[in-house]
Amino acid sequence: MTPFENTLNTCKNLINNKKNIILLGTGNNGKTYLINTLESENYLKNYTIFHEFPINTNILSNPYITCIHNINDAKNIDPDSFTLINTNHIFYH
């Protein structure tokens, strides 16, 4: 199984358990493709999707999936309220 497939399956399990997901990674590694894949497979129909991390974190509704480039972007969010997935190993091009 590829790193992308492993990460996709991890996300599906988290979604099935209604967990908030934050995807951490540099640009061009597969975060958007991952979200688009989950969305096209109807996994995110009950999720709020933020392709870019919202500046105003008060608008984060449960459940949600979003992307960050730097771990400090999520420093003001309760760490117990989401699962962080490091996507730097995916390298989807």
Protein backbone atom coordinates (compact mmCIF):
# COMPACT_ATOMS: atom_id res chain seq x y z
CA MET A 1 0.00 0.00 0.00
CA THR A 2 1.32 3.46 -0.90
CA PRO A 3 1.77 6.26 1.66
CA PHE A 4 -1.18 8.04 0.03
CA GLU A 5 -3.42 4.97 0.37
CA ASN A 6 -2.39 4.54 4.02
CA THR A 7 -3.18 8.17 4.76
CA LEU A 8 -6.48 7.93 2.87
CA ASN A 9 -7.50 4.89 4.93
CA THR A 10 -6.49 6.64 8.15
CA CYS A 11 -8.68 9.60 7.21
CA LYS A 12 -11.61 7.32 6.36
CA ASN A 13 -11.36 5.68 9.79
CA LEU A 14 -11.25 9.05 11.52
CA ILE A 15 -14.22 10.28 9.48
CA ASN A 16 -16.21 7.17 10.34
CA ASN A 17 -15.60 8.12 13.99
CA LYS A 18 -16.53 11.78 13.34
CA LYS A 19 -13.10 13.11 14.33
CA ASN A 20 -11.80 16.54 13.34
CA ILE A 21 -8.80 16.27 11.04
CA ILE A 22 -5.95 18.68 10.41
CA LEU A 23 -3.61 17.77 7.56
CA LEU A 24 -0.09 19.10 8.08
CA GLY A 25 2.27 19.41 5.15
CA THR A 26 4.28 21.56 2.83
CA GLY A 27 2.88 22.49 -0.54
CA ASN A 28 2.44 20.02 -3.39
CA ASN A 29 2.36 16.88 -1.27
CA GLY A 30 -1.24 15.73 -1.62
CA LYS A 31 -3.38 17.46 1.02
CA THR A 32 -5.85 18.94 -1.48
CA TYR A 33 -5.87 15.77 -3.58
CA LEU A 34 -6.60 13.78 -0.42
CA ILE A 35 -9.53 16.03 0.51
CA ASN A 36 -10.84 15.94 -3.06
CA THR A 37 -10.63 12.14 -3.09
CA LEU A 38 -12.51 11.87 0.20
CA GLU A 39 -15.10 14.32 -1.07
CA SER A 40 -15.60 12.50 -4.38
CA GLU A 41 -16.12 9.25 -2.47
CA ASN A 42 -18.80 11.00 -0.33
CA TYR A 43 -16.87 10.63 2.92
CA LEU A 44 -17.05 14.35 3.68
CA LYS A 45 -20.77 14.97 3.16
CA ASN A 46 -21.20 15.78 6.88
CA TYR A 47 -17.90 17.62 7.23
CA THR A 48 -16.98 21.28 6.97
CA ILE A 49 -14.06 21.53 4.56
CA PHE A 50 -11.43 24.24 4.81
CA HIS A 51 -8.78 23.82 2.11
CA GLU A 52 -6.86 26.58 3.88
CA PHE A 53 -6.74 26.88 7.65
CA PRO A 54 -9.17 29.63 8.75
CA ILE A 55 -7.65 32.65 10.44
CA ASN A 56 -10.71 32.91 12.66
CA THR A 57 -10.70 29.54 14.43
CA ASN A 58 -14.07 30.34 16.00
CA ILE A 59 -15.69 29.29 12.71
CA LEU A 60 -14.36 25.74 13.00
CA SER A 61 -17.42 23.58 13.29
CA ASN A 62 -17.55 19.92 14.12
CA PRO A 63 -16.65 17.82 12.35
CA TYR A 64 -14.15 19.49 10.06
CA ILE A 65 -11.11 18.80 7.91
CA THR A 66 -8.54 21.45 7.11
CA CYS A 67 -4.93 21.93 6.03
CA ILE A 68 -1.97 23.69 7.59
CA HIS A 69 1.60 24.21 6.44
CA ASN A 70 3.07 24.86 9.88
CA ILE A 71 2.22 23.22 13.20
CA ASN A 72 2.10 26.68 14.83
CA ASP A 73 -1.03 27.43 12.78
CA ALA A 74 -2.98 25.17 15.12
CA LYS A 75 -1.41 26.34 18.38
CA ASN A 76 -4.59 28.07 19.60
CA ILE A 77 -6.80 25.00 19.17
CA ASP A 78 -7.29 22.43 21.91
CA PRO A 79 -4.99 19.56 20.87
CA ASP A 80 -7.55 17.04 22.12
CA SER A 81 -10.16 18.36 19.69
CA PHE A 82 -8.53 17.12 16.47
CA THR A 83 -6.23 14.52 14.96
CA LEU A 84 -3.13 15.84 13.23
CA ILE A 85 -1.94 13.91 10.19
CA ASN A 86 1.50 14.71 8.82
CA THR A 87 1.21 14.42 5.04
CA ASN A 88 4.80 15.33 4.20
CA HIS A 89 5.51 11.70 3.33
CA ILE A 90 2.81 11.46 0.63
CA PHE A 91 4.45 13.58 -2.08
CA TYR A 92 1.58 13.37 -4.54
CA HIS A 93 2.51 15.08 -7.84
